[in-house]
Amino acid sequence: MSGFFFYSLFYILMSGCIIYPPNEFVSAGLTIKDIFSKWLGNENTFFIQYHIKRSVITLFIHSILLFGYVFGVLLFGYVDSIKILLGHNNLWLTILICTVILPLYTLYKILIWSMNNWARHPIAQNLALYRNNNNDNNISWTAVASNINKEYDWVDTIVITTNSITCIIVTNNWIIKVMPYKILVAHQSDTVLVVTKSDTHNTFPVTRGEVQFINIEVKPTRTGAQSFDIRLNALDFKNFQDKISRPITILQNITFHKTLLDQFIDNFKEQVEENPYYRSTEELNQCFGCIQATSNVKLFKQCSSGIGNGDSEDCMMCYCRPLWCIDCMAKWFASRLDENAPETWYYSKCTCPVCRARFCILDVCLIQST
């Protein structure tokens, strides 16, 4: 019985890696598209045809996973173990029949789709909606496919990989969502885009362990076209937005960091709020930077850097009067960071805009009037 459970556990893990390949499988080229790359052809030249083939081979491979499991049970002599587990011979017989019927039905569907140059495939039917004249059956879906193929091969096409089985492609005129069994397309000229949701998760990035994701609803106005959602890392939003010719509506209650610097600035302000307050009796004037808000921060050495060792990179005491608001100080600090080393941002040092005294985030204090 233990051999049966080890076999079952191993097969389930391997099936999961086939359906949703981890980074290690992707790096090693152990994905369906890598293994069958010779049959699939060149994605850059024949993008649509490539993904039609990829979708059918993916569907077929997934459909035989259960058959493979049952074949292994028979091959290794675990039939008695699985009968004991199921508790009924008829249930085992039903599973056995299903393992044969499922791949056969999948092959039947693939055969139907392949007729008339794949005209019945869901991808082809989706593209057929974008013919210039939907009532003219003489215009083939391949004309739309040819247009997408050409645009995909252009150097300014952006590809955003959201996970190991899904990616978003934006060309000059098309928005494309690639999924295991199909691709969804929308023409930019008749599509509405709305940011509907944002969520933040704790992870291990550069700025205090947070990463944001946003959901964008893509709603084609073309009759019969299917709406779909795009889920992006918020830091990919600017690249996506720059490539879109249509305005993207952001619902009023949605906030997110559009760049890594935006995220750092927010985390900078959060840290400053945790720092000790600087008590002051002097009258505060308008911020020297924005001339909008009232100056509300003072550079006052709080960290242990520079005590007794005289290092040239140590923090220093700043004797300037309060001249800046927290937003302008955060932006000043961010503007001096090394864009190529974001992992160092939170621990970096900057210089006072006036006296050039070095300081770190821990030395920025909100002012408490007394």
Protein backbone atom coordinates (compact mmCIF):
# COMPACT_ATOMS: atom_id res chain seq x y z
CA MET A 1 0.00 0.00 0.00
CA SER A 2 2.88 2.42 0.78
CA GLY A 3 4.25 1.95 -2.75
CA PHE A 4 0.85 2.92 -4.16
CA PHE A 5 0.71 6.11 -2.10
CA PHE A 6 4.26 7.10 -3.08
CA TYR A 7 3.39 6.48 -6.73
CA SER A 8 0.16 8.51 -6.43
CA LEU A 9 1.93 11.40 -4.70
CA PHE A 10 4.73 11.46 -7.30
CA TYR A 11 2.25 11.36 -10.20
CA ILE A 12 0.12 14.15 -8.73
CA LEU A 13 3.20 16.34 -8.25
CA MET A 14 4.42 15.70 -11.79
CA SER A 15 0.94 16.34 -13.23
CA GLY A 16 0.81 19.65 -11.35
CA CYS A 17 4.19 20.60 -12.82
CA ILE A 18 2.90 19.78 -16.32
CA ILE A 19 -0.33 21.75 -15.91
CA TYR A 20 1.25 24.67 -14.04
CA PRO A 21 5.02 24.43 -14.57
CA PRO A 22 7.19 25.99 -11.83
CA ASN A 23 10.13 28.25 -12.67
CA GLU A 24 12.54 25.32 -12.48
CA PHE A 25 10.64 23.45 -15.22
CA VAL A 26 10.44 26.60 -17.36
CA SER A 27 14.18 27.25 -17.00
CA ALA A 28 15.01 23.64 -17.85
CA GLY A 29 12.78 23.68 -20.95
CA LEU A 30 10.44 21.03 -19.53
CA THR A 31 7.22 22.65 -20.68
CA ILE A 32 4.83 21.49 -23.38
CA LYS A 33 5.76 24.30 -25.76
CA ASP A 34 9.48 23.57 -25.33
CA ILE A 35 9.17 19.81 -25.77
CA PHE A 36 7.01 20.15 -28.91
CA SER A 37 8.78 23.25 -30.26
CA LYS A 38 9.72 21.62 -33.59
CA TRP A 39 6.09 20.76 -34.38
CA LEU A 40 4.74 24.09 -33.16
CA GLY A 41 6.94 26.16 -35.48
CA ASN A 42 8.08 29.77 -35.13
CA GLU A 43 5.97 31.90 -32.79
CA ASN A 44 7.45 35.17 -34.07
CA THR A 45 6.47 34.49 -37.69
CA PHE A 46 3.19 32.59 -37.30
CA PHE A 47 1.92 33.72 -33.93
CA ILE A 48 -1.74 32.67 -34.30
CA GLN A 49 -1.01 29.35 -36.01
CA TYR A 50 1.60 28.61 -33.33
CA HIS A 51 -0.90 29.10 -30.52
CA ILE A 52 -3.61 27.10 -32.25
CA LYS A 53 -1.21 24.15 -32.36
CA ARG A 54 0.01 24.82 -28.82
CA SER A 55 -3.56 24.90 -27.47
CA VAL A 56 -4.54 21.56 -29.02
CA ILE A 57 -1.38 19.74 -27.91
CA THR A 58 -1.79 21.20 -24.40
CA LEU A 59 -5.42 20.10 -24.26
CA PHE A 60 -4.54 16.58 -25.43
CA ILE A 61 -1.61 16.17 -23.01
CA HIS A 62 -3.80 17.28 -20.10
CA SER A 63 -6.57 14.91 -21.19
CA ILE A 64 -4.28 11.83 -21.01
CA LEU A 65 -2.92 12.56 -17.52
CA LEU A 66 -5.64 10.47 -15.86
CA PHE A 67 -5.03 7.69 -18.40
CA GLY A 68 -1.32 7.80 -17.56
CA TYR A 69 -2.08 7.45 -13.87
CA VAL A 70 -4.35 4.43 -14.40
CA PHE A 71 -1.84 2.86 -16.79
CA GLY A 72 0.80 3.15 -14.07
CA VAL A 73 -1.54 1.55 -11.53
CA LEU A 74 -1.99 -1.41 -13.88
CA LEU A 75 1.70 -1.56 -14.81
CA PHE A 76 2.98 -1.58 -11.22
CA GLY A 77 0.28 -3.90 -9.89
CA TYR A 78 -1.53 -1.45 -7.62
CA VAL A 79 -5.04 -2.49 -8.74
CA ASP A 80 -5.87 -4.18 -5.43
CA SER A 81 -4.70 -1.12 -3.49
CA ILE A 82 -6.87 1.27 -5.47
CA LYS A 83 -9.88 -1.08 -5.17
CA ILE A 84 -9.45 -1.08 -1.40
CA LEU A 85 -9.18 2.71 -1.42
CA LEU A 86 -12.28 3.17 -3.59
CA GLY A 87 -14.21 0.46 -1.80
CA HIS A 88 -16.24 -0.57 -4.86
CA ASN A 89 -15.27 -2.40 -8.04
CA ASN A 90 -17.84 -0.53 -10.14
CA LEU A 91 -16.26 2.81 -9.23
CA TRP A 92 -12.85 1.55 -10.39
CA LEU A 93 -14.42 0.35 -13.64
CA THR A 94 -16.06 3.77 -14.17
CA ILE A 95 -12.71 5.54 -13.72
CA LEU A 96 -11.09 3.09 -16.12
CA ILE A 97 -13.69 3.83 -18.81
CA CYS A 98 -13.39 7.60 -18.28
CA THR A 99 -9.62 7.47 -18.75
CA VAL A 100 -10.21 6.09 -22.25
CA ILE A 101 -13.24 8.19 -23.20
CA LEU A 102 -11.68 11.55 -22.22
CA PRO A 103 -8.66 11.38 -24.61
CA LEU A 104 -10.86 9.97 -27.38
CA TYR A 105 -13.37 12.79 -27.01
CA THR A 106 -10.50 15.31 -26.98
CA LEU A 107 -9.12 13.84 -30.22
CA TYR A 108 -12.60 14.07 -31.74
CA LYS A 109 -12.86 17.77 -30.83
CA ILE A 110 -9.39 18.46 -32.23
CA LEU A 111 -10.37 16.71 -35.46
CA ILE A 112 -13.51 18.87 -35.77
CA TRP A 113 -11.50 22.04 -35.07
CA SER A 114 -8.88 21.17 -37.68
CA MET A 115 -11.38 21.03 -40.55
CA ASN A 116 -11.20 23.78 -43.16
CA ASN A 117 -7.78 25.01 -42.01
CA TRP A 118 -8.73 25.20 -38.30
CA ALA A 119 -11.71 27.43 -39.04
CA ARG A 120 -13.75 25.85 -36.21
CA HIS A 121 -11.08 26.28 -33.56
CA PRO A 122 -12.18 28.72 -30.78
CA ILE A 123 -9.20 30.98 -31.55
CA ALA A 124 -10.19 31.17 -35.24
CA GLN A 125 -13.83 31.83 -34.37
CA ASN A 126 -12.77 34.61 -32.02
CA LEU A 127 -10.66 36.23 -34.75
CA ALA A 128 -13.51 35.90 -37.27
CA LEU A 129 -15.44 38.48 -35.24
CA TYR A 130 -12.87 41.09 -36.27
CA ARG A 131 -13.28 40.73 -40.01
CA ASN A 132 -13.92 44.12 -41.63
CA ASN A 133 -17.28 42.86 -42.83
CA ASN A 134 -18.71 40.22 -40.51
CA ASN A 135 -21.45 39.41 -43.00
CA ASP A 136 -19.02 38.51 -45.76
CA ASN A 137 -18.14 34.83 -45.32
CA ASN A 138 -15.60 35.09 -48.14
CA ILE A 139 -13.30 37.03 -45.84
CA SER A 140 -11.41 34.43 -43.83
CA TRP A 141 -10.29 34.67 -40.21
CA THR A 142 -6.79 34.14 -41.57
CA ALA A 143 -6.74 37.75 -42.77
CA VAL A 144 -7.09 38.89 -39.17
CA ALA A 145 -4.51 36.30 -38.09
CA SER A 146 -2.07 37.61 -40.69
CA ASN A 147 -2.46 41.15 -39.34
CA ILE A 148 -1.78 40.00 -35.77
CA ASN A 149 1.20 37.91 -36.93
CA LYS A 150 2.79 40.96 -38.56
CA GLU A 151 2.24 43.22 -35.55
CA TYR A 152 3.53 40.65 -33.09
CA ASP A 153 6.83 40.47 -34.97
CA TRP A 154 7.41 44.23 -34.62
CA VAL A 155 10.17 45.27 -32.23
CA ASP A 156 7.95 47.56 -30.13
CA THR A 157 5.53 44.79 -29.13
CA ILE A 158 5.42 44.34 -25.36
CA VAL A 159 5.03 40.95 -23.69
CA ILE A 160 4.16 40.82 -19.98
CA THR A 161 4.40 37.37 -18.42
CA THR A 162 1.92 37.19 -15.53
CA ASN A 163 2.66 33.56 -14.60
CA SER A 164 4.08 30.40 -16.19
CA ILE A 165 0.92 29.69 -18.22
CA THR A 166 -0.45 33.16 -18.99
CA CYS A 167 0.97 36.25 -20.64
CA ILE A 168 -0.33 39.56 -21.95
CA ILE A 169 0.77 40.86 -25.36
CA VAL A 170 0.14 44.39 -26.59
CA THR A 171 0.85 45.41 -30.18
CA ASN A 172 0.05 48.72 -31.86
CA ASN A 173 -3.58 47.67 -32.41
CA TRP A 174 -4.23 44.49 -30.43
CA ILE A 175 -4.48 43.38 -26.81
CA ILE A 176 -3.94 39.61 -26.50
CA LYS A 177 -4.26 37.32 -23.50
CA VAL A 178 -2.52 33.97 -24.00
CA MET A 179 -3.84 31.06 -21.90
CA PRO A 180 -3.23 27.29 -22.00
CA TYR A 181 -6.22 26.34 -24.18
CA LYS A 182 -6.98 29.56 -26.03
CA ILE A 183 -6.08 33.18 -26.64
CA LEU A 184 -8.43 36.14 -26.23
CA VAL A 185 -8.01 39.23 -28.39
CA ALA A 186 -9.38 42.75 -28.44
CA HIS A 187 -8.77 45.48 -30.99
CA GLN A 188 -7.72 48.71 -29.29
CA SER A 189 -9.94 50.85 -31.50
CA ASP A 190 -13.16 49.43 -30.06
CA THR A 191 -12.19 48.39 -26.54
CA VAL A 192 -12.90 49.89 -23.13
CA LEU A 193 -10.33 49.29 -20.36
CA VAL A 194 -11.17 49.71 -16.67
CA VAL A 195 -8.96 49.13 -13.63
CA THR A 196 -11.41 47.36 -11.31
CA LYS A 197 -9.30 46.14 -8.40
CA SER A 198 -5.93 46.42 -6.70
CA ASP A 199 -4.52 44.23 -3.94
CA THR A 200 -1.30 44.26 -1.95
CA HIS A 201 0.65 41.21 -0.78
CA ASN A 202 3.63 40.78 1.51
CA THR A 203 6.60 39.22 -0.23
CA PHE A 204 10.36 39.90 -0.44
CA PRO A 205 10.91 42.79 -2.83
CA VAL A 206 13.02 45.90 -2.37
CA THR A 207 10.62 48.16 -0.54
CA ARG A 208 9.48 46.75 2.78
CA GLY A 209 8.16 43.47 1.46
CA GLU A 210 5.10 44.55 -0.55
CA VAL A 211 3.96 43.85 -4.08
CA GLN A 212 0.78 45.18 -5.67
CA PHE A 213 -1.39 43.64 -8.36
CA ILE A 214 -4.14 45.28 -10.37
CA ASN A 215 -7.03 43.80 -12.34
CA ILE A 216 -7.90 45.45 -15.66
CA GLU A 217 -11.16 44.54 -17.37
CA VAL A 218 -10.85 44.53 -21.16
CA LYS A 219 -14.30 45.04 -22.70
CA PRO A 220 -14.47 44.90 -26.51
CA THR A 221 -17.48 46.68 -28.00
CA ARG A 222 -17.38 44.42 -31.07
CA THR A 223 -20.56 42.34 -31.25
CA GLY A 224 -19.97 38.83 -29.94
CA ALA A 225 -16.47 39.55 -28.65
CA GLN A 226 -15.66 38.17 -25.21
CA SER A 227 -14.55 40.42 -22.35
CA PHE A 228 -11.60 39.30 -20.28
CA ASP A 229 -9.54 40.32 -17.25
CA ILE A 230 -5.84 41.13 -17.10
CA ARG A 231 -4.01 40.79 -13.80
CA LEU A 232 -0.72 42.70 -13.75
CA ASN A 233 1.96 43.59 -11.29
CA ALA A 234 1.28 47.28 -10.66
CA LEU A 235 4.86 48.08 -11.70
CA ASP A 236 4.05 46.82 -15.23
CA PHE A 237 1.11 49.20 -15.54
CA LYS A 238 3.09 52.12 -17.00
CA ASN A 239 4.56 49.99 -19.81
CA PHE A 240 1.10 48.64 -20.52
CA GLN A 241 -0.49 52.10 -20.45
CA ASP A 242 2.17 53.62 -22.73
CA LYS A 243 1.39 51.02 -25.40
CA ILE A 244 -2.39 51.45 -25.24
CA SER A 245 -3.91 54.04 -27.55
CA ARG A 246 -7.16 54.14 -25.55
CA PRO A 247 -7.63 55.83 -22.16
CA ILE A 248 -7.64 53.47 -19.19
CA THR A 249 -10.33 54.28 -16.63
CA ILE A 250 -9.24 53.87 -13.01
CA LEU A 251 -12.19 53.57 -10.62
CA GLN A 252 -12.25 56.25 -7.95
CA ASN A 253 -11.59 53.91 -5.03
CA ILE A 254 -8.58 52.19 -6.69
CA THR A 255 -5.06 53.27 -5.69
CA PHE A 256 -1.79 51.61 -6.62
CA HIS A 257 1.89 52.32 -7.22
CA LYS A 258 2.50 52.89 -10.91
CA THR A 259 6.29 52.70 -10.58
CA LEU A 260 8.81 51.22 -8.18
CA LEU A 261 9.75 54.76 -7.11
CA ASP A 262 6.09 55.49 -6.26
CA GLN A 263 6.09 52.43 -4.02
CA PHE A 264 9.35 53.50 -2.38
CA ILE A 265 8.04 57.03 -1.71
CA ASP A 266 4.98 55.66 0.08
CA ASN A 267 7.12 53.32 2.16
CA PHE A 268 9.53 56.19 2.89
CA LYS A 269 6.64 58.20 4.36
CA GLU A 270 5.43 55.21 6.38
CA GLN A 271 8.88 54.81 7.93
CA VAL A 272 9.10 58.52 8.75
CA GLU A 273 5.79 58.27 10.61
CA GLU A 274 7.37 55.54 12.76
CA ASN A 275 10.46 57.67 13.54
CA PRO A 276 10.61 59.81 16.72
CA TYR A 277 9.04 63.27 16.41
CA TYR A 278 11.14 66.44 16.42
CA ARG A 279 9.74 68.97 18.89
CA SER A 280 9.90 72.55 17.67
CA THR A 281 8.62 75.94 18.90
CA GLU A 282 9.48 77.93 15.78
CA GLU A 283 6.84 79.03 13.28
CA LEU A 284 6.65 76.79 10.21
CA ASN A 285 6.47 78.32 6.72
CA GLN A 286 5.42 76.92 3.38
CA CYS A 287 7.46 74.05 1.95
CA PHE A 288 10.46 75.34 0.00
CA GLY A 289 9.91 72.65 -2.64
CA CYS A 290 6.21 72.69 -3.58
CA ILE A 291 5.19 76.03 -1.97
CA GLN A 292 1.85 74.35 -1.26
CA ALA A 293 2.03 72.40 1.98
CA THR A 294 3.46 73.56 5.30
CA SER A 295 6.99 72.42 6.14
CA ASN A 296 6.59 69.48 8.50
CA VAL A 297 9.89 67.52 8.59
CA LYS A 298 13.31 68.11 10.12
CA LEU A 299 16.53 66.24 9.43
CA PHE A 300 17.70 65.21 12.88
CA LYS A 301 20.30 62.47 13.35
CA GLN A 302 18.71 59.41 15.00
CA CYS A 303 20.68 56.46 13.59
CA SER A 304 23.90 55.03 15.07
CA SER A 305 25.93 55.64 11.88
CA GLY A 306 28.96 57.86 12.44
CA ILE A 307 29.37 57.50 16.20
CA GLY A 308 33.10 57.61 16.87
CA ASN A 309 34.38 56.17 13.59
CA GLY A 310 34.40 59.19 11.27
CA ASP A 311 33.49 57.25 8.14
CA SER A 312 33.06 59.51 5.10
CA GLU A 313 29.71 57.90 4.35
CA ASP A 314 28.30 58.27 7.87
CA CYS A 315 25.16 60.25 8.59
CA MET A 316 25.68 63.80 9.86
CA MET A 317 23.79 66.31 11.94
CA CYS A 318 21.83 68.83 9.86
CA TYR A 319 21.45 72.32 11.37
CA CYS A 320 19.04 73.71 8.77
CA ARG A 321 15.65 74.98 9.92
CA PRO A 322 12.58 73.01 8.71
CA LEU A 323 12.05 73.88 5.04
CA TRP A 324 10.40 70.84 3.52
CA CYS A 325 7.20 68.82 3.65
CA ILE A 326 7.29 65.03 3.88
CA ASP A 327 6.23 64.57 0.23
CA CYS A 328 8.98 66.79 -1.16
CA MET A 329 11.61 65.24 1.12
CA ALA A 330 10.56 61.76 -0.02
CA LYS A 331 10.77 62.79 -3.68
CA TRP A 332 14.18 64.42 -3.11
CA PHE A 333 15.48 61.24 -1.47
CA ALA A 334 14.05 59.08 -4.26
CA SER A 335 15.58 61.26 -6.98
CA ARG A 336 19.07 60.53 -5.61
CA LEU A 337 18.73 56.75 -5.64
CA ASP A 338 20.56 54.37 -7.95
CA GLU A 339 17.86 53.11 -10.33
CA ASN A 340 19.97 50.07 -11.21
CA ALA A 341 20.20 48.87 -7.59
CA PRO A 342 16.69 49.01 -6.08
CA GLU A 343 17.69 46.48 -3.42
CA THR A 344 19.82 49.22 -1.79
CA TRP A 345 17.21 51.99 -1.76
CA TYR A 346 15.82 51.48 1.72
CA TYR A 347 19.30 51.54 3.25
CA SER A 348 20.72 54.36 1.10
CA LYS A 349 21.87 57.79 2.25
CA CYS A 350 21.08 61.18 0.76
CA THR A 351 22.27 64.75 1.34
CA CYS A 352 20.30 67.69 2.69
CA PRO A 353 19.10 69.86 -0.26
CA VAL A 354 20.62 72.95 1.47
CA CYS A 355 23.69 72.08 3.56
CA ARG A 356 24.52 68.69 1.97
CA ALA A 357 24.67 66.90 5.31
CA ARG A 358 24.23 63.14 4.77
CA PHE A 359 21.17 61.47 6.25
CA CYS A 360 19.22 58.21 6.01
CA ILE A 361 15.51 57.46 6.31
CA LEU A 362 15.79 57.06 10.09
CA ASP A 363 17.00 60.70 10.38
CA VAL A 364 13.85 62.20 8.85
CA CYS A 365 11.49 63.31 11.63
CA LEU A 366 8.00 64.75 11.52
CA ILE A 367 7.70 68.01 13.46
CA GLN A 368 5.59 68.23 16.60
CA SER A 369 4.87 71.82 17.48
CA THR A 370 5.06 72.71 21.17
